[in-house]
Amino acid sequence: MDLTLSPQEEAFRDELRAWLADNHPGPEPEGDEAAFRFRLEWQRRLNAADWAGVSWPKEFGGRGATLVEQAIFNEETVRSKAPPMANVLALAMGGPTVIAHGTEEQKERYLQPILSADEIWCQGFSEPDSGSDLASLKTRAVKADGGWVVTGQKVWTTFAHHAKWCMLVARSDQDAPKHKGLTYFLMDMEQEGVQVRPLVQITGEPEFNELFIEEAEIPDENVIGGVGNGWAVAITTLMHERATLAFGLQVQVKIALGQLMELGASTASRTTRSCASASGSSTPRPRFFA
């Protein structure tokens, strides 16, 4: 397989590199709220230059980049140590899902506020007893006049404490086989029936959260892809997660490993010099331990 970039892809990379060099916002501040506001402003700067939804079709506000160009975008932004965008889950997963399965009205309503970061999204898939086996989820959606009433619990919900909308998969048919009884909703997080409880990490940051949903209301127009078709819609979301977010994370790991190796080499060099100085010799003497 020839992985050499085409002239068009090289031009794309060079344009992006030049833009990042001229517009890099600097290091991200510490603290959840400060970092989030920093990422908001960064995404809005990217969006103003048509870089936010880089692989979205142009008719929906994107740049229409190819998959290779999307990979280049991820690699170059990570390589330059630019911060992530505030609405990364909606940009990489939610927006493409609406583009693939949403109605024209839903596309008109939701896509632009994703790009501008005016409405942040989170992902309500995992549950305490339903992680990798998504189809075993227990959150229930009961039909009501003009909509649905949803009750259940979600966990590991990234950025839920900042989110306006949740990509929620719930069981809408209790009698159907588990993969066929699901529906994909957009749930308004700003209602009394939704409680967000942070899961504080060792860093002190609440990136992940638990969601407790008690008779939350979702109108019919917030169903994505049709009632009972939630499994297929969720697979679309997860495919975009693997194809878009995963590549950027691989580049981050590569950079982090390189930095770790440099740190280890530097530490080893300082230790060698220290031992040599203490022994009065340029070569450290071996040490033996019982």
Protein backbone atom coordinates (compact mmCIF):
# COMPACT_ATOMS: atom_id res chain seq x y z
CA MET A 1 0.00 0.00 0.00
CA ASP A 2 1.38 3.40 -1.02
CA LEU A 3 0.90 5.89 1.84
CA THR A 4 2.64 8.75 0.06
CA LEU A 5 0.57 11.92 0.20
CA SER A 6 -0.83 13.19 -3.08
CA PRO A 7 -0.06 16.78 -4.18
CA GLN A 8 -3.57 17.78 -3.03
CA GLU A 9 -3.01 16.19 0.38
CA GLU A 10 0.39 17.85 0.75
CA ALA A 11 -1.19 21.21 -0.09
CA PHE A 12 -3.87 20.58 2.52
CA ARG A 13 -1.23 19.70 5.13
CA ASP A 14 0.89 22.74 4.32
CA GLU A 15 -2.10 25.09 4.49
CA LEU A 16 -3.10 23.66 7.86
CA ARG A 17 0.46 23.83 9.24
CA ALA A 18 0.75 27.47 8.23
CA TRP A 19 -2.62 28.33 9.77
CA LEU A 20 -1.76 26.56 13.02
CA ALA A 21 1.58 28.35 13.20
CA ASP A 22 -0.15 31.71 12.82
CA ASN A 23 -3.12 31.00 15.09
CA HIS A 24 -1.90 28.64 17.82
CA PRO A 25 -3.53 29.77 21.11
CA GLY A 26 -0.68 28.66 23.36
CA PRO A 27 -0.80 26.27 26.33
CA GLU A 28 -4.14 25.33 27.81
CA PRO A 29 -4.84 26.76 31.29
CA GLU A 30 -5.31 24.46 34.25
CA GLY A 31 -8.70 23.82 35.83
CA ASP A 32 -11.82 22.35 34.25
CA GLU A 33 -13.77 25.56 33.73
CA ALA A 34 -10.80 27.60 32.47
CA ALA A 35 -9.74 24.83 30.08
CA PHE A 36 -13.30 24.45 28.77
CA ARG A 37 -13.61 28.18 28.04
CA PHE A 38 -10.21 28.07 26.35
CA ARG A 39 -11.36 25.22 24.12
CA LEU A 40 -14.58 27.06 23.29
CA GLU A 41 -12.68 30.05 21.98
CA TRP A 42 -10.27 27.81 20.09
CA GLN A 43 -13.10 25.97 18.35
CA ARG A 44 -14.76 29.24 17.37
CA ARG A 45 -11.49 30.43 15.86
CA LEU A 46 -11.20 27.17 13.92
CA ASN A 47 -14.81 27.41 12.79
CA ALA A 48 -14.35 30.95 11.52
CA ALA A 49 -11.61 29.58 9.23
CA ASP A 50 -13.70 26.52 8.19
CA TRP A 51 -11.50 24.09 10.10
CA ALA A 52 -13.99 22.93 12.79
CA GLY A 53 -16.04 20.44 10.78
CA VAL A 54 -13.16 19.64 8.48
CA SER A 55 -14.65 16.43 7.00
CA TRP A 56 -18.29 17.56 7.08
CA PRO A 57 -19.88 18.19 3.68
CA LYS A 58 -19.64 21.80 2.57
CA GLU A 59 -23.41 22.19 2.43
CA PHE A 60 -23.52 21.64 6.18
CA GLY A 61 -20.77 24.11 7.04
CA GLY A 62 -17.76 21.81 6.74
CA ARG A 63 -14.71 21.80 4.49
CA GLY A 64 -15.55 18.56 2.68
CA ALA A 65 -12.19 16.98 3.48
CA THR A 66 -11.46 13.37 2.56
CA LEU A 67 -10.74 10.67 5.14
CA VAL A 68 -7.01 11.05 4.50
CA GLU A 69 -7.28 14.81 4.98
CA GLN A 70 -9.20 14.26 8.20
CA ALA A 71 -6.35 12.03 9.39
CA ILE A 72 -3.86 14.74 8.40
CA PHE A 73 -5.89 17.30 10.35
CA ASN A 74 -5.86 15.11 13.47
CA GLU A 75 -2.14 14.42 13.15
CA GLU A 76 -1.15 18.03 12.56
CA THR A 77 -3.26 19.51 15.35
CA VAL A 78 -1.85 16.97 17.82
CA ARG A 79 1.69 17.42 16.51
CA SER A 80 1.44 21.18 17.02
CA LYS A 81 0.12 20.57 20.55
CA ALA A 82 -3.01 22.56 19.79
CA PRO A 83 -5.82 22.08 22.32
CA PRO A 84 -8.80 19.88 21.47
CA MET A 85 -12.06 21.55 20.54
CA ALA A 86 -14.78 21.97 23.16
CA ASN A 87 -17.46 20.15 21.18
CA VAL A 88 -15.32 17.26 20.03
CA LEU A 89 -17.97 14.54 20.57
CA ALA A 90 -20.56 16.39 18.52
CA LEU A 91 -18.08 17.28 15.78
CA ALA A 92 -16.66 13.78 15.42
CA MET A 93 -19.74 11.68 16.22
CA GLY A 94 -23.02 13.52 16.76
CA GLY A 95 -22.96 15.79 13.73
CA PRO A 96 -22.04 13.00 11.27
CA THR A 97 -24.83 10.88 12.77
CA VAL A 98 -27.38 13.64 12.21
CA ILE A 99 -26.05 14.13 8.67
CA ALA A 100 -26.46 10.39 7.98
CA HIS A 101 -29.81 9.72 9.71
CA GLY A 102 -31.43 13.04 10.59
CA THR A 103 -34.32 14.78 8.89
CA GLU A 104 -33.78 18.02 7.01
CA GLU A 105 -35.33 19.86 9.94
CA GLN A 106 -32.89 18.20 12.36
CA LYS A 107 -29.93 19.08 10.18
CA GLU A 108 -31.08 22.67 10.02
CA ARG A 109 -31.62 22.81 13.79
CA TYR A 110 -28.56 21.06 15.20
CA LEU A 111 -25.55 21.22 12.89
CA GLN A 112 -24.62 24.89 12.97
CA PRO A 113 -24.69 25.18 16.81
CA ILE A 114 -22.32 22.19 16.90
CA LEU A 115 -19.78 23.92 14.68
CA SER A 116 -19.99 27.19 16.59
CA ALA A 117 -19.82 25.40 19.97
CA ASP A 118 -22.98 27.19 21.06
CA GLU A 119 -24.46 23.81 22.07
CA ILE A 120 -22.18 21.14 23.55
CA TRP A 121 -23.07 17.45 23.19
CA CYS A 122 -22.33 14.38 25.28
CA GLN A 123 -22.85 10.66 24.64
CA GLY A 124 -25.33 8.65 26.74
CA PHE A 125 -24.54 5.07 25.76
CA SER A 126 -22.76 3.21 28.60
CA GLU A 127 -24.61 2.11 31.72
CA PRO A 128 -23.41 0.53 35.00
CA ASP A 129 -24.31 -2.95 33.68
CA SER A 130 -24.09 -2.22 29.95
CA GLY A 131 -20.64 -1.22 28.80
CA SER A 132 -19.31 -3.06 25.77
CA ASP A 133 -22.66 -4.88 25.43
CA LEU A 134 -24.62 -1.78 24.45
CA ALA A 135 -27.72 -3.73 23.43
CA SER A 136 -28.23 -4.88 27.04
CA LEU A 137 -28.95 -1.34 28.24
CA LYS A 138 -31.88 -0.84 30.62
CA THR A 139 -32.76 2.85 30.29
CA ARG A 140 -36.45 2.91 29.34
CA ALA A 141 -38.28 5.21 26.96
CA VAL A 142 -42.09 5.10 27.35
CA LYS A 143 -44.33 6.67 24.71
CA ALA A 144 -46.36 9.66 25.85
CA ASP A 145 -48.43 12.31 24.10
CA GLY A 146 -46.17 14.01 21.58
CA GLY A 147 -43.01 12.38 22.86
CA TRP A 148 -41.32 10.03 25.29
CA VAL A 149 -40.65 9.78 29.01
CA VAL A 150 -37.20 8.36 29.79
CA THR A 151 -35.90 6.84 33.03
CA GLY A 152 -32.53 5.20 33.65
CA GLN A 153 -28.85 5.75 34.37
CA LYS A 154 -25.78 6.37 32.22
CA VAL A 155 -22.12 6.40 33.25
CA TRP A 156 -18.72 7.55 31.94
CA THR A 157 -20.52 10.40 30.19
CA THR A 158 -17.74 12.68 28.98
CA PHE A 159 -18.40 16.44 29.26
CA ALA A 160 -21.98 15.92 30.50
CA HIS A 161 -21.47 18.76 32.97
CA HIS A 162 -21.00 21.15 30.03
CA ALA A 163 -23.54 19.62 27.63
CA LYS A 164 -26.82 20.95 26.27
CA TRP A 165 -27.68 17.77 24.33
CA CYS A 166 -27.11 14.07 24.97
CA MET A 167 -26.93 11.40 22.28
CA LEU A 168 -29.09 8.96 24.21
CA VAL A 169 -29.89 5.36 23.34
CA ALA A 170 -32.82 3.93 25.30
CA ARG A 171 -35.05 0.86 25.16
CA SER A 172 -38.33 1.88 23.55
CA ASP A 173 -39.76 -1.64 23.05
CA GLN A 174 -39.44 -3.92 26.05
CA ASP A 175 -40.68 -6.99 24.14
CA ALA A 176 -38.42 -6.79 21.09
CA PRO A 177 -35.08 -8.64 20.83
CA LYS A 178 -32.49 -6.50 22.54
CA HIS A 179 -30.83 -5.15 19.38
CA LYS A 180 -34.21 -4.24 17.85
CA GLY A 181 -35.94 -2.51 20.75
CA LEU A 182 -33.72 0.58 20.89
CA THR A 183 -34.27 4.17 19.82
CA TYR A 184 -31.73 6.97 19.45
CA PHE A 185 -32.78 10.28 21.01
CA LEU A 186 -31.40 13.75 21.49
CA MET A 187 -32.15 14.58 25.12
CA ASP A 188 -32.14 18.12 26.46
CA MET A 189 -29.80 18.08 29.46
CA GLU A 190 -31.28 21.30 30.86
CA GLN A 191 -34.36 19.81 32.51
CA GLU A 192 -35.27 18.73 36.02
CA GLY A 193 -35.41 15.06 35.08
CA VAL A 194 -31.66 14.93 34.40
CA GLN A 195 -29.02 15.00 37.14
CA VAL A 196 -25.28 15.08 36.39
CA ARG A 197 -22.89 13.79 39.03
CA PRO A 198 -19.16 14.13 38.35
CA LEU A 199 -16.72 11.22 38.54
CA VAL A 200 -13.62 13.02 39.76
CA GLN A 201 -10.35 11.55 38.45
CA ILE A 202 -7.01 11.36 40.24
CA THR A 203 -6.17 14.66 38.50
CA GLY A 204 -9.07 16.31 40.30
CA GLU A 205 -10.91 16.95 37.02
CA PRO A 206 -14.54 15.79 36.44
CA GLU A 207 -14.20 14.88 32.78
CA PHE A 208 -16.52 11.87 33.20
CA ASN A 209 -19.94 11.88 34.81
CA GLU A 210 -22.90 9.77 35.86
CA LEU A 211 -26.33 10.66 34.50
CA PHE A 212 -29.43 9.96 36.55
CA ILE A 213 -32.55 10.26 34.39
CA GLU A 214 -35.94 10.34 36.09
CA GLU A 215 -38.91 10.79 33.76
CA ALA A 216 -37.06 13.14 31.45
CA GLU A 217 -39.15 14.33 28.53
CA ILE A 218 -38.06 13.99 24.91
CA PRO A 219 -40.33 15.17 22.06
CA ASP A 220 -40.94 13.02 19.00
CA GLU A 221 -38.94 15.41 16.82
CA ASN A 222 -35.82 14.51 18.81
CA VAL A 223 -35.80 10.89 17.62
CA ILE A 224 -32.90 10.33 15.20
CA GLY A 225 -33.30 7.69 12.49
CA GLY A 226 -36.76 6.45 13.46
CA VAL A 227 -38.26 4.61 16.42
CA GLY A 228 -36.75 1.14 16.93
CA ASN A 229 -33.78 1.88 14.66
CA GLY A 230 -31.47 2.96 17.48
CA TRP A 231 -28.97 0.14 17.03
CA ALA A 232 -28.16 1.10 13.44
CA VAL A 233 -27.91 4.79 14.34
CA ALA A 234 -25.68 4.04 17.33
CA ILE A 235 -23.37 1.97 15.12
CA THR A 236 -22.96 5.02 12.87
CA THR A 237 -21.95 7.08 15.90
CA LEU A 238 -19.46 4.45 17.07
CA MET A 239 -17.95 4.03 13.59
CA HIS A 240 -17.20 7.75 13.51
CA GLU A 241 -15.77 7.52 17.02
CA ARG A 242 -13.33 4.80 15.99
CA ALA A 243 -12.39 6.35 12.65
CA THR A 244 -12.03 9.98 13.77
CA LEU A 245 -11.23 10.22 17.46
CA ALA A 246 -9.15 7.06 17.69
CA PHE A 247 -6.56 8.19 15.14
CA GLY A 248 -5.91 11.45 16.98
CA LEU A 249 -5.45 9.55 20.22
CA GLN A 250 -2.88 7.26 18.56
CA VAL A 251 -0.86 10.29 17.52
CA GLN A 252 -1.11 11.68 21.07
CA VAL A 253 0.22 8.40 22.45
CA LYS A 254 3.10 8.42 19.96
CA ILE A 255 4.08 11.96 20.98
CA ALA A 256 3.72 11.16 24.68
CA LEU A 257 5.92 8.06 24.34
CA GLY A 258 8.57 10.10 22.55
CA GLN A 259 8.53 12.68 25.32
CA LEU A 260 8.76 9.91 27.92
CA MET A 261 11.77 8.38 26.17
CA GLU A 262 13.47 11.79 26.04
CA LEU A 263 12.79 12.31 29.72
CA GLY A 264 14.12 8.85 30.57
CA ALA A 265 17.29 9.41 28.54
CA SER A 266 17.83 12.81 30.15
CA THR A 267 17.31 11.39 33.65
CA ALA A 268 19.66 8.48 32.96
CA SER A 269 22.33 10.88 31.68
CA ARG A 270 22.08 13.06 34.79
CA THR A 271 22.25 9.99 37.03
CA THR A 272 25.36 8.71 35.22
CA ARG A 273 27.11 12.06 35.59
CA SER A 274 26.15 12.23 39.26
CA CYS A 275 27.53 8.75 39.98
CA ALA A 276 30.73 9.48 38.08
CA SER A 277 31.23 12.70 40.02
CA ALA A 278 30.67 10.96 43.35
CA SER A 279 33.16 8.19 42.54
CA GLY A 280 35.77 10.51 41.08
CA SER A 281 35.73 8.54 37.86
CA SER A 282 34.22 9.12 34.46
CA THR A 283 32.75 5.62 34.60
CA PRO A 284 30.28 4.80 37.38
CA ARG A 285 31.19 1.79 39.48
CA PRO A 286 28.70 -1.08 39.59
CA ARG A 287 26.57 -1.33 42.71
CA PHE A 288 25.41 -4.58 44.27
CA PHE A 289 22.35 -5.01 46.45
CA ALA A 290 21.51 -7.86 48.78
